[in-house]
N, C-alpha and C. Protein backbone atom coordinates (compact mmCIF):
# COMPACT_ATOMS: atom_id res chain seq x y z
N MET A 1 -7.64 -29.49 -5.95
CA MET A 1 -8.36 -30.01 -4.75
C MET A 1 -9.54 -29.00 -4.44
N GLN A 2 -10.72 -29.24 -4.28
CA GLN A 2 -11.60 -27.84 -3.89
C GLN A 2 -11.36 -27.81 -2.22
N ARG A 3 -11.56 -26.74 -1.82
CA ARG A 3 -11.29 -26.18 -0.53
C ARG A 3 -12.75 -25.56 -0.19
N ASN A 4 -12.81 -25.11 1.44
CA ASN A 4 -14.21 -24.80 1.83
C ASN A 4 -14.12 -22.93 1.52
N LEU A 5 -15.11 -22.24 1.50
CA LEU A 5 -15.53 -20.79 1.27
C LEU A 5 -14.34 -19.97 2.12
N CYS A 6 -14.80 -20.43 3.64
CA CYS A 6 -13.44 -19.53 4.61
C CYS A 6 -11.94 -19.83 4.26
N ALA A 7 -11.48 -21.14 3.41
CA ALA A 7 -10.50 -20.84 3.14
C ALA A 7 -9.69 -19.92 2.00
N TYR A 8 -10.98 -19.85 0.96
CA TYR A 8 -10.43 -18.98 0.00
C TYR A 8 -10.85 -17.73 0.39
N LEU A 9 -11.64 -17.19 1.19
CA LEU A 9 -11.80 -15.68 1.61
C LEU A 9 -10.29 -15.61 2.43
N GLN A 10 -9.89 -16.41 3.32
CA GLN A 10 -8.71 -16.42 3.77
C GLN A 10 -7.35 -16.03 3.18
N ASP A 11 -7.39 -16.53 2.05
CA ASP A 11 -6.37 -16.29 1.50
C ASP A 11 -6.66 -15.10 0.43
N VAL A 12 -7.68 -14.46 -0.03
CA VAL A 12 -7.49 -12.96 -0.17
C VAL A 12 -7.18 -12.29 0.49
N LEU A 13 -7.58 -12.25 2.06
CA LEU A 13 -7.23 -11.34 2.89
C LEU A 13 -5.69 -11.78 3.21
N ASN A 14 -4.85 -12.79 3.38
CA ASN A 14 -3.58 -12.74 3.26
C ASN A 14 -2.98 -12.10 2.32
N ALA A 15 -3.34 -12.47 1.27
CA ALA A 15 -2.58 -11.78 0.18
C ALA A 15 -2.77 -9.86 0.29
N ALA A 16 -3.57 -9.97 0.75
CA ALA A 16 -4.19 -8.52 0.31
C ALA A 16 -2.85 -7.60 1.38
N ALA A 17 -2.77 -8.36 2.64
CA ALA A 17 -2.21 -8.06 3.95
C ALA A 17 -0.49 -8.06 3.11
N ALA A 18 0.05 -8.94 2.39
CA ALA A 18 1.10 -8.91 2.01
C ALA A 18 1.55 -8.08 1.26
N ILE A 19 0.16 -7.77 0.03
CA ILE A 19 0.74 -6.37 -0.67
C ILE A 19 0.66 -5.18 0.09
N SER A 20 0.17 -5.04 1.11
CA SER A 20 0.02 -3.94 2.06
C SER A 20 1.46 -3.68 2.76
N ASP A 21 2.00 -4.67 3.03
CA ASP A 21 3.35 -5.04 3.69
C ASP A 21 4.33 -4.68 2.56
N PHE A 22 4.44 -5.51 1.66
CA PHE A 22 5.53 -5.18 0.61
C PHE A 22 5.46 -3.73 0.10
N THR A 23 4.32 -3.18 0.33
CA THR A 23 4.28 -1.71 -0.43
C THR A 23 4.31 -0.52 0.28
N ASN A 24 4.18 -0.67 1.58
CA ASN A 24 4.25 0.17 2.70
C ASN A 24 5.43 0.92 2.72
N GLY A 25 5.09 2.21 2.83
CA GLY A 25 6.44 3.09 2.62
C GLY A 25 6.92 3.31 1.37
N LEU A 26 6.45 2.87 0.10
CA LEU A 26 7.27 2.92 -1.19
C LEU A 26 6.48 4.16 -1.92
N THR A 27 6.74 5.01 -2.73
CA THR A 27 6.56 5.84 -3.67
C THR A 27 5.95 4.78 -5.08
N ASN A 28 5.22 5.46 -5.66
CA ASN A 28 4.88 4.87 -7.06
C ASN A 28 6.12 4.83 -7.91
N SER A 29 7.01 5.61 -7.82
CA SER A 29 8.26 5.50 -8.45
C SER A 29 9.30 4.51 -7.81
N ALA A 30 9.37 4.25 -6.93
CA ALA A 30 10.09 3.36 -5.84
C ALA A 30 9.37 1.79 -6.22
N PHE A 31 7.94 1.80 -6.37
CA PHE A 31 7.19 0.65 -6.80
C PHE A 31 7.69 0.01 -7.99
N GLU A 32 7.54 1.16 -9.17
CA GLU A 32 7.77 0.84 -10.51
C GLU A 32 9.28 0.47 -10.82
N ALA A 33 10.54 0.94 -9.71
CA ALA A 33 11.64 0.54 -10.13
C ALA A 33 12.23 -0.79 -9.34
N ASP A 34 11.20 -1.38 -8.50
CA ASP A 34 11.73 -2.40 -7.65
C ASP A 34 11.04 -3.54 -8.26
N ASP A 35 11.73 -4.58 -9.13
CA ASP A 35 11.14 -5.80 -9.53
C ASP A 35 10.92 -6.83 -8.98
N LEU A 36 11.71 -6.96 -7.36
CA LEU A 36 11.15 -7.88 -6.91
C LEU A 36 9.98 -7.57 -5.71
N VAL A 37 9.64 -6.49 -5.51
CA VAL A 37 8.23 -6.20 -4.91
C VAL A 37 7.27 -6.18 -5.80
N ARG A 38 7.68 -5.66 -7.17
CA ARG A 38 6.51 -5.66 -7.95
C ARG A 38 5.90 -7.20 -8.60
N SER A 39 7.15 -8.25 -8.60
CA SER A 39 6.65 -9.37 -8.71
C SER A 39 5.84 -9.94 -7.71
N ALA A 40 6.36 -10.00 -6.50
CA ALA A 40 5.49 -10.20 -5.17
C ALA A 40 4.12 -9.80 -5.41
N VAL A 41 3.94 -8.42 -5.60
CA VAL A 41 2.41 -7.71 -5.61
C VAL A 41 1.78 -8.50 -6.84
N GLU A 42 2.52 -8.78 -7.70
CA GLU A 42 1.58 -9.50 -9.07
C GLU A 42 1.22 -10.73 -8.66
N ARG A 43 2.25 -11.57 -8.04
CA ARG A 43 1.52 -12.81 -7.16
C ARG A 43 0.48 -12.96 -6.70
N LYS A 44 0.27 -12.09 -5.70
CA LYS A 44 -0.57 -11.75 -4.61
C LYS A 44 -1.83 -11.65 -5.43
N PHE A 45 -1.59 -10.45 -5.97
CA PHE A 45 -2.89 -10.19 -7.08
C PHE A 45 -3.45 -11.52 -8.11
N GLU A 46 -2.54 -12.12 -8.29
CA GLU A 46 -3.00 -13.54 -9.23
C GLU A 46 -3.84 -14.44 -7.84
N ILE A 47 -3.23 -14.51 -6.66
CA ILE A 47 -3.88 -15.38 -5.58
C ILE A 47 -5.50 -14.82 -5.53
N ILE A 48 -5.32 -13.34 -5.15
CA ILE A 48 -6.65 -12.87 -5.11
C ILE A 48 -7.78 -13.12 -5.98
N GLY A 49 -7.38 -13.12 -7.36
CA GLY A 49 -8.21 -13.24 -8.32
C GLY A 49 -8.80 -15.13 -8.55
N GLU A 50 -7.42 -15.56 -8.24
CA GLU A 50 -7.82 -17.17 -8.41
C GLU A 50 -8.60 -17.26 -7.15
N ALA A 51 -8.66 -17.17 -5.77
CA ALA A 51 -9.28 -17.33 -4.82
C ALA A 51 -10.92 -16.96 -4.94
N LEU A 52 -11.20 -15.68 -5.59
CA LEU A 52 -12.24 -15.01 -5.50
C LEU A 52 -13.25 -16.04 -6.59
N ARG A 53 -12.16 -16.28 -7.95
CA ARG A 53 -12.77 -17.28 -9.09
C ARG A 53 -13.18 -18.60 -8.52
N GLN A 54 -12.11 -19.20 -7.68
CA GLN A 54 -12.96 -20.53 -7.32
C GLN A 54 -14.06 -20.45 -6.12
N ALA A 55 -13.83 -19.28 -5.42
CA ALA A 55 -15.13 -19.22 -4.51
C ALA A 55 -16.43 -18.89 -5.04
N SER A 56 -16.39 -18.14 -6.55
CA SER A 56 -17.25 -17.97 -7.07
C SER A 56 -17.91 -19.11 -8.04
N LEU A 57 -16.71 -19.93 -8.19
CA LEU A 57 -17.27 -21.26 -9.45
C LEU A 57 -17.86 -22.47 -8.15
N TYR A 58 -17.24 -22.63 -6.87
CA TYR A 58 -17.82 -23.55 -6.12
C TYR A 58 -19.12 -23.37 -5.16
N PHE A 59 -18.92 -22.02 -4.82
CA PHE A 59 -19.75 -21.71 -3.95
C PHE A 59 -20.66 -20.28 -4.70
N PRO A 60 -21.49 -20.79 -5.48
CA PRO A 60 -22.08 -19.52 -6.29
C PRO A 60 -22.82 -18.75 -5.75
N GLY A 61 -22.87 -17.28 -5.92
CA GLY A 61 -23.38 -16.14 -5.15
C GLY A 61 -22.45 -15.66 -4.13
N SER A 62 -21.64 -16.49 -3.52
CA SER A 62 -21.04 -16.35 -1.96
C SER A 62 -20.32 -15.04 -2.31
N VAL A 63 -19.39 -14.61 -3.35
CA VAL A 63 -18.65 -13.24 -3.32
C VAL A 63 -19.28 -12.70 -4.51
N ASP A 64 -20.38 -12.70 -4.67
CA ASP A 64 -21.35 -11.54 -5.73
C ASP A 64 -21.22 -10.27 -5.04
N SER A 65 -20.65 -9.73 -4.10
CA SER A 65 -20.95 -8.63 -3.50
C SER A 65 -19.67 -8.11 -3.55
N VAL A 66 -18.58 -8.67 -3.88
CA VAL A 66 -17.17 -8.03 -3.77
C VAL A 66 -17.30 -7.35 -5.10
N PRO A 67 -16.79 -5.99 -4.43
CA PRO A 67 -16.88 -4.89 -5.59
C PRO A 67 -15.90 -5.33 -6.70
N ASP A 68 -16.35 -5.13 -7.89
CA ASP A 68 -15.27 -5.29 -9.04
C ASP A 68 -14.89 -6.68 -9.11
N LEU A 69 -15.69 -7.49 -8.46
CA LEU A 69 -15.35 -9.04 -8.42
C LEU A 69 -14.74 -9.51 -10.06
N LYS A 70 -15.25 -8.94 -11.01
CA LYS A 70 -15.16 -9.82 -12.41
C LYS A 70 -13.73 -8.84 -12.78
N ASP A 71 -13.50 -7.58 -12.05
CA ASP A 71 -12.19 -7.13 -12.72
C ASP A 71 -11.13 -7.58 -11.81
N ALA A 72 -11.12 -8.30 -10.51
CA ALA A 72 -10.23 -8.96 -9.94
C ALA A 72 -9.79 -10.03 -10.65
N VAL A 73 -10.76 -11.03 -11.08
CA VAL A 73 -10.67 -12.05 -11.74
C VAL A 73 -9.79 -11.93 -12.94
N GLY A 74 -10.49 -10.49 -13.68
CA GLY A 74 -9.67 -10.51 -15.14
C GLY A 74 -8.28 -9.89 -14.51
N GLN A 75 -8.04 -9.33 -13.36
CA GLN A 75 -6.29 -8.66 -13.48
C GLN A 75 -5.56 -9.74 -13.36
N ARG A 76 -6.23 -10.80 -12.62
CA ARG A 76 -5.23 -12.11 -12.24
C ARG A 76 -5.16 -12.82 -13.48
N ASN A 77 -5.88 -12.80 -14.65
CA ASN A 77 -5.81 -13.52 -16.13
C ASN A 77 -4.96 -12.57 -16.74
N ARG A 78 -5.00 -11.33 -16.56
CA ARG A 78 -4.02 -10.27 -17.23
C ARG A 78 -2.84 -10.81 -16.75
N ILE A 79 -2.25 -10.53 -15.72
CA ILE A 79 -1.19 -10.89 -15.02
C ILE A 79 -0.61 -12.23 -15.22
N ALA A 80 -1.27 -13.47 -15.16
CA ALA A 80 -1.17 -14.54 -15.56
C ALA A 80 -0.60 -14.76 -16.97
N HIS A 81 -1.42 -14.40 -17.93
CA HIS A 81 -1.31 -14.66 -19.56
C HIS A 81 -0.80 -13.35 -20.10
N GLY A 82 -0.80 -12.22 -19.50
CA GLY A 82 -0.31 -10.98 -20.69
C GLY A 82 0.69 -10.28 -19.63
N TYR A 83 1.24 -11.60 -19.16
CA TYR A 83 2.67 -11.02 -17.90
C TYR A 83 3.56 -10.08 -18.80
N PHE A 84 3.62 -9.75 -19.64
CA PHE A 84 4.76 -8.96 -20.60
C PHE A 84 4.39 -7.62 -20.64
N ASP A 85 2.85 -7.33 -20.45
CA ASP A 85 2.29 -6.05 -20.44
C ASP A 85 1.63 -5.53 -19.45
N VAL A 86 2.11 -6.07 -18.15
CA VAL A 86 1.35 -5.61 -16.67
C VAL A 86 1.66 -3.93 -16.66
N ASP A 87 0.64 -3.40 -16.17
CA ASP A 87 1.23 -1.78 -16.28
C ASP A 87 1.68 -1.71 -14.55
N ALA A 88 2.72 -1.40 -14.25
CA ALA A 88 2.76 -1.07 -12.45
C ALA A 88 1.94 0.15 -12.16
N LYS A 89 1.74 0.75 -13.12
CA LYS A 89 0.80 2.36 -12.46
C LYS A 89 -0.69 1.31 -12.01
N VAL A 90 -1.13 0.32 -13.06
CA VAL A 90 -2.38 0.00 -13.03
C VAL A 90 -2.29 -0.77 -11.31
N LEU A 91 -1.24 -1.51 -11.20
CA LEU A 91 -1.18 -2.32 -9.96
C LEU A 91 -1.00 -1.29 -8.61
N TRP A 92 -0.19 -0.16 -9.05
CA TRP A 92 -0.44 0.62 -7.66
C TRP A 92 -1.77 1.45 -7.71
N ASP A 93 -2.24 1.84 -8.72
CA ASP A 93 -3.43 2.35 -8.75
C ASP A 93 -4.54 1.37 -7.81
N THR A 94 -4.63 0.54 -8.16
CA THR A 94 -5.33 -1.07 -7.67
C THR A 94 -5.25 -1.10 -6.07
N ILE A 95 -4.01 -0.73 -5.69
CA ILE A 95 -3.33 -1.07 -4.42
C ILE A 95 -3.80 0.03 -3.43
N HIS A 96 -3.84 1.27 -3.94
CA HIS A 96 -4.50 2.31 -3.33
C HIS A 96 -5.77 2.87 -3.51
N SER A 97 -6.58 2.06 -4.44
CA SER A 97 -7.77 2.79 -4.54
C SER A 97 -8.77 1.67 -4.15
N ASP A 98 -8.25 0.42 -4.18
CA ASP A 98 -9.34 -0.84 -4.44
C ASP A 98 -9.08 -1.55 -3.29
N LEU A 99 -7.80 -1.83 -2.91
CA LEU A 99 -7.78 -2.92 -1.94
C LEU A 99 -8.37 -2.74 -0.68
N ALA A 100 -8.46 -1.53 -0.05
CA ALA A 100 -9.09 -1.66 1.22
C ALA A 100 -10.46 -1.99 1.39
N ILE A 101 -10.99 -1.74 0.29
CA ILE A 101 -12.73 -1.81 0.10
C ILE A 101 -12.61 -3.37 -0.29
N LEU A 102 -11.86 -4.05 -0.83
CA LEU A 102 -12.02 -5.66 -1.08
C LEU A 102 -11.78 -6.19 0.58
N VAL A 103 -10.98 -5.59 1.11
CA VAL A 103 -10.55 -6.41 2.50
C VAL A 103 -11.64 -6.21 3.30
N MET A 104 -12.52 -5.20 3.18
CA MET A 104 -13.59 -4.58 3.84
C MET A 104 -14.58 -5.49 3.81
N GLU A 105 -14.85 -5.67 2.49
CA GLU A 105 -16.33 -7.01 1.97
C GLU A 105 -15.59 -8.07 2.04
N VAL A 106 -14.46 -8.59 2.20
CA VAL A 106 -14.14 -10.04 2.11
C VAL A 106 -14.12 -10.33 4.06
N GLU A 107 -13.34 -9.26 4.83
CA GLU A 107 -13.82 -9.48 6.13
C GLU A 107 -15.57 -9.81 6.27
N ARG A 108 -16.34 -8.79 6.07
CA ARG A 108 -17.59 -8.73 5.96
C ARG A 108 -18.18 -10.35 5.78
N LEU A 109 -17.96 -10.65 4.39
CA LEU A 109 -18.01 -12.07 3.79
C LEU A 109 -17.68 -13.42 5.14
N LYS A 110 -16.59 -13.14 5.76
CA LYS A 110 -16.17 -14.14 6.50
C LYS A 110 -16.99 -14.24 7.88
N LEU A 111 -17.33 -12.70 8.22
CA LEU A 111 -18.06 -12.99 9.39
C LEU A 111 -19.51 -13.59 8.95
N VAL A 112 -20.23 -13.63 7.78
CA VAL A 112 -21.40 -14.23 7.45
C VAL A 112 -21.53 -15.95 7.59
N HIS A 113 -20.25 -16.00 6.66
CA HIS A 113 -19.94 -17.32 6.40
C HIS A 113 -19.09 -18.41 6.95
N CYS A 114 -18.38 -17.59 8.11
CA CYS A 114 -17.02 -18.45 8.47
C CYS A 114 -17.34 -18.33 10.06
N PRO A 115 -17.36 -19.81 10.64
CA PRO A 115 -17.41 -19.83 12.09
C PRO A 115 -16.52 -19.01 12.72
């Protein structure tokens, strides 16, 4: 079922907020050791990547300004199809170096595209 652009953008923001909540107060080593939290974060990154992929597919050009758009979709594919080889350090680094930038751009896009 195709959804509207605003729904996809909100999915990204909700997933990013959940990742922040799940990892708040954790150290890298605690994150790596906690299979439940890591699994939840992986799922939310899958949602982010798929929501961005769907938005770009059904609303061409709408999310082109998202930093590292292809990397976000690629990370989703890596988690879904290469689940046996997901690197917790890569997830941790993405959370701490890229997630806030992604959120800021998606919030900006919501202001532009959503009532």
